[in-house]
Structures are given as structure tokens and as C-alpha cells.
Amino acid sequence: MFQVASAQPHNFAPGPAQQQQHQVPAKSLPRRLARPEFKQPNQKIIAAVNPELANVPIEYIRRGLADMGAE
């Protein structure tokens, strides 16, 4: 766990224009986000990023990335 030092208070009283700048409007956010639709990776884009993977099956690449992420 870490601690963050609090900001030092300002030694001036803000005027009306400065008070309005610091007011943040309330936001309404959803509790959960919808899962995006799954899209299969484009083999041409993979080949453009790494030509060595041009003829490698996408499932093999996906498993390899999953293994790397687990490390």
C-alpha cells in the first residue's frame, strides 16, 4: 500500500469566476458495461504487423498470447 501526500491549501480566496471553473457537473455512469461483440482477427492485419505470422493459424496465436499473459 502507498500513501499520497495531500495538496497544500491555497492562501487565496477564489473569486466567482474561478469558483465556476472548478465545479464539475455530475455524471451518471452504468454499473456494468455490455460485452462488445467478438470479432475474429484479420489475418492480413496480423501479417502486416508481423510477417512471420502470415501463415500461422489464428487459434495458435491466440493460445500463445494467452500463455504469455499467464506468465
N, C-alpha and C. Protein backbone atom coordinates (compact mmCIF):
# COMPACT_ATOMS: atom_id res chain seq x y z
N MET A 1 0.85 -1.17 0.00
CA MET A 1 0.00 0.00 0.00
C MET A 1 0.90 1.23 0.00
N PHE A 2 0.44 2.29 -0.61
CA PHE A 2 1.22 3.50 -0.65
C PHE A 2 0.36 4.67 -0.23
N GLN A 3 1.01 5.76 0.17
CA GLN A 3 0.29 6.95 0.58
C GLN A 3 0.68 8.10 -0.32
N VAL A 4 -0.25 8.99 -0.55
CA VAL A 4 -0.02 10.16 -1.37
C VAL A 4 -0.20 11.37 -0.48
N ALA A 5 0.76 12.29 -0.54
CA ALA A 5 0.66 13.50 0.27
C ALA A 5 -0.50 14.35 -0.23
N SER A 6 -1.23 14.94 0.69
CA SER A 6 -2.35 15.80 0.30
C SER A 6 -1.82 17.12 -0.22
N ALA A 7 -2.62 17.75 -1.06
CA ALA A 7 -2.23 19.04 -1.63
C ALA A 7 -2.29 20.11 -0.55
N GLN A 8 -1.38 21.04 -0.62
CA GLN A 8 -1.35 22.14 0.34
C GLN A 8 -2.48 23.11 0.02
N PRO A 9 -3.16 23.65 1.03
CA PRO A 9 -4.24 24.59 0.77
C PRO A 9 -3.70 25.89 0.18
N HIS A 10 -4.48 26.50 -0.68
CA HIS A 10 -4.09 27.77 -1.28
C HIS A 10 -4.27 28.89 -0.26
N ASN A 11 -3.46 29.91 -0.38
CA ASN A 11 -3.52 31.04 0.53
C ASN A 11 -4.37 32.18 -0.01
N PHE A 12 -5.23 31.92 -0.95
CA PHE A 12 -6.08 32.96 -1.51
C PHE A 12 -7.51 32.47 -1.61
N ALA A 13 -8.42 33.43 -1.62
CA ALA A 13 -9.84 33.10 -1.77
C ALA A 13 -10.20 33.24 -3.24
N PRO A 14 -10.70 32.20 -3.87
CA PRO A 14 -11.04 32.30 -5.29
C PRO A 14 -12.23 33.23 -5.51
N GLY A 15 -12.20 33.94 -6.61
CA GLY A 15 -13.30 34.82 -6.98
C GLY A 15 -14.42 34.01 -7.62
N PRO A 16 -15.54 34.66 -7.95
CA PRO A 16 -16.68 33.93 -8.54
C PRO A 16 -16.33 33.23 -9.86
N ALA A 17 -15.51 33.86 -10.70
CA ALA A 17 -15.15 33.24 -11.98
C ALA A 17 -14.33 31.98 -11.76
N GLN A 18 -13.44 32.01 -10.79
CA GLN A 18 -12.59 30.84 -10.51
C GLN A 18 -13.41 29.72 -9.88
N GLN A 19 -14.42 30.05 -9.07
CA GLN A 19 -15.25 29.02 -8.47
C GLN A 19 -16.04 28.27 -9.53
N GLN A 20 -16.52 28.97 -10.54
CA GLN A 20 -17.30 28.33 -11.59
C GLN A 20 -16.43 27.38 -12.42
N GLN A 21 -15.16 27.69 -12.61
CA GLN A 21 -14.28 26.84 -13.40
C GLN A 21 -14.05 25.49 -12.72
N HIS A 22 -14.07 25.44 -11.42
CA HIS A 22 -13.72 24.22 -10.70
C HIS A 22 -14.92 23.34 -10.40
N GLN A 23 -16.12 23.77 -10.72
CA GLN A 23 -17.29 22.94 -10.48
C GLN A 23 -17.41 21.90 -11.59
N VAL A 24 -17.48 20.66 -11.21
CA VAL A 24 -17.58 19.56 -12.17
C VAL A 24 -19.02 19.07 -12.19
N PRO A 25 -19.64 19.02 -13.36
CA PRO A 25 -21.02 18.53 -13.41
C PRO A 25 -21.10 17.05 -13.03
N ALA A 26 -22.21 16.66 -12.42
CA ALA A 26 -22.40 15.27 -12.02
C ALA A 26 -22.55 14.40 -13.26
N LYS A 27 -21.97 13.20 -13.21
CA LYS A 27 -22.05 12.25 -14.32
C LYS A 27 -22.82 11.02 -13.87
N SER A 28 -23.54 10.44 -14.78
CA SER A 28 -24.25 9.22 -14.50
C SER A 28 -23.61 8.10 -15.32
N LEU A 29 -23.04 7.11 -14.63
CA LEU A 29 -22.35 6.02 -15.30
C LEU A 29 -23.07 4.69 -15.03
N PRO A 30 -23.07 3.80 -16.00
CA PRO A 30 -23.71 2.50 -15.78
C PRO A 30 -22.91 1.64 -14.80
N ARG A 31 -23.59 0.78 -14.07
CA ARG A 31 -22.90 -0.12 -13.14
C ARG A 31 -22.10 -1.18 -13.89
N ARG A 32 -22.62 -1.63 -15.01
CA ARG A 32 -21.94 -2.64 -15.82
C ARG A 32 -21.91 -2.21 -17.27
N LEU A 33 -20.86 -2.60 -17.95
CA LEU A 33 -20.75 -2.32 -19.37
C LEU A 33 -21.09 -3.58 -20.16
N ALA A 34 -21.72 -3.38 -21.30
CA ALA A 34 -22.05 -4.51 -22.16
C ALA A 34 -20.78 -5.07 -22.78
N ARG A 35 -20.71 -6.38 -22.90
CA ARG A 35 -19.55 -7.00 -23.52
C ARG A 35 -19.60 -6.73 -25.01
N PRO A 36 -18.49 -6.25 -25.59
CA PRO A 36 -18.51 -5.98 -27.03
C PRO A 36 -18.62 -7.27 -27.84
N GLU A 37 -19.13 -7.14 -29.04
CA GLU A 37 -19.27 -8.29 -29.93
C GLU A 37 -17.89 -8.83 -30.30
N PHE A 38 -17.72 -10.15 -30.25
CA PHE A 38 -16.44 -10.75 -30.60
C PHE A 38 -16.22 -10.67 -32.11
N LYS A 39 -15.02 -10.26 -32.49
CA LYS A 39 -14.66 -10.22 -33.90
C LYS A 39 -13.37 -11.03 -34.09
N GLN A 40 -13.36 -11.85 -35.10
CA GLN A 40 -12.18 -12.64 -35.44
C GLN A 40 -11.09 -11.71 -35.95
N PRO A 41 -9.84 -11.85 -35.50
CA PRO A 41 -8.75 -11.01 -36.02
C PRO A 41 -8.56 -11.22 -37.52
N ASN A 42 -8.18 -10.18 -38.20
CA ASN A 42 -7.96 -10.22 -39.64
C ASN A 42 -6.55 -10.73 -39.91
N GLN A 43 -6.42 -11.83 -40.65
CA GLN A 43 -5.11 -12.43 -40.94
C GLN A 43 -4.21 -11.47 -41.71
N LYS A 44 -4.77 -10.64 -42.57
CA LYS A 44 -3.96 -9.68 -43.34
C LYS A 44 -3.34 -8.63 -42.42
N ILE A 45 -4.08 -8.20 -41.42
CA ILE A 45 -3.55 -7.21 -40.48
C ILE A 45 -2.44 -7.83 -39.63
N ILE A 46 -2.65 -9.07 -39.19
CA ILE A 46 -1.61 -9.77 -38.42
C ILE A 46 -0.34 -9.90 -39.26
N ALA A 47 -0.49 -10.24 -40.53
CA ALA A 47 0.68 -10.38 -41.42
C ALA A 47 1.36 -9.04 -41.62
N ALA A 48 0.60 -7.95 -41.67
CA ALA A 48 1.20 -6.63 -41.83
C ALA A 48 1.99 -6.22 -40.59
N VAL A 49 1.50 -6.62 -39.42
CA VAL A 49 2.18 -6.29 -38.17
C VAL A 49 3.42 -7.15 -37.99
N ASN A 50 3.30 -8.45 -38.30
CA ASN A 50 4.41 -9.37 -38.14
C ASN A 50 4.37 -10.39 -39.28
N PRO A 51 5.16 -10.17 -40.32
CA PRO A 51 5.13 -11.08 -41.49
C PRO A 51 5.41 -12.54 -41.15
N GLU A 52 6.12 -12.82 -40.07
CA GLU A 52 6.40 -14.20 -39.69
C GLU A 52 5.12 -14.95 -39.30
N LEU A 53 4.06 -14.22 -38.94
CA LEU A 53 2.81 -14.84 -38.52
C LEU A 53 1.79 -14.93 -39.66
N ALA A 54 2.22 -14.64 -40.88
CA ALA A 54 1.29 -14.58 -42.02
C ALA A 54 0.53 -15.88 -42.24
N ASN A 55 1.18 -17.02 -42.07
CA ASN A 55 0.53 -18.31 -42.33
C ASN A 55 0.28 -19.12 -41.07
N VAL A 56 0.35 -18.47 -39.92
CA VAL A 56 0.12 -19.16 -38.65
C VAL A 56 -1.37 -19.09 -38.33
N PRO A 57 -1.98 -20.22 -37.96
CA PRO A 57 -3.40 -20.20 -37.62
C PRO A 57 -3.69 -19.24 -36.45
N ILE A 58 -4.80 -18.53 -36.54
CA ILE A 58 -5.14 -17.54 -35.52
C ILE A 58 -5.32 -18.18 -34.15
N GLU A 59 -5.88 -19.37 -34.10
CA GLU A 59 -6.08 -20.04 -32.80
C GLU A 59 -4.73 -20.33 -32.12
N TYR A 60 -3.72 -20.69 -32.91
CA TYR A 60 -2.38 -20.93 -32.36
C TYR A 60 -1.81 -19.64 -31.79
N ILE A 61 -1.98 -18.52 -32.48
CA ILE A 61 -1.52 -17.22 -31.99
C ILE A 61 -2.26 -16.86 -30.71
N ARG A 62 -3.57 -17.07 -30.70
CA ARG A 62 -4.38 -16.74 -29.52
C ARG A 62 -3.91 -17.53 -28.30
N ARG A 63 -3.68 -18.84 -28.47
CA ARG A 63 -3.21 -19.67 -27.35
C ARG A 63 -1.84 -19.21 -26.87
N GLY A 64 -0.97 -18.86 -27.81
CA GLY A 64 0.36 -18.38 -27.44
C GLY A 64 0.30 -17.08 -26.65
N LEU A 65 -0.57 -16.17 -27.05
CA LEU A 65 -0.73 -14.93 -26.31
C LEU A 65 -1.32 -15.17 -24.94
N ALA A 66 -2.27 -16.11 -24.83
CA ALA A 66 -2.86 -16.43 -23.53
C ALA A 66 -1.79 -16.99 -22.60
N ASP A 67 -0.92 -17.85 -23.11
CA ASP A 67 0.16 -18.40 -22.29
C ASP A 67 1.12 -17.31 -21.85
N MET A 68 1.42 -16.38 -22.74
CA MET A 68 2.34 -15.28 -22.39
C MET A 68 1.71 -14.38 -21.32
N GLY A 69 0.40 -14.17 -21.40
CA GLY A 69 -0.28 -13.34 -20.43
C GLY A 69 -0.34 -13.98 -19.05
N ALA A 70 -0.30 -15.30 -19.01
CA ALA A 70 -0.36 -16.01 -17.74
C ALA A 70 0.97 -15.95 -16.98
N GLU A 71 2.04 -15.62 -17.66
CA GLU A 71 3.37 -15.61 -17.01
C GLU A 71 3.56 -14.43 -16.12
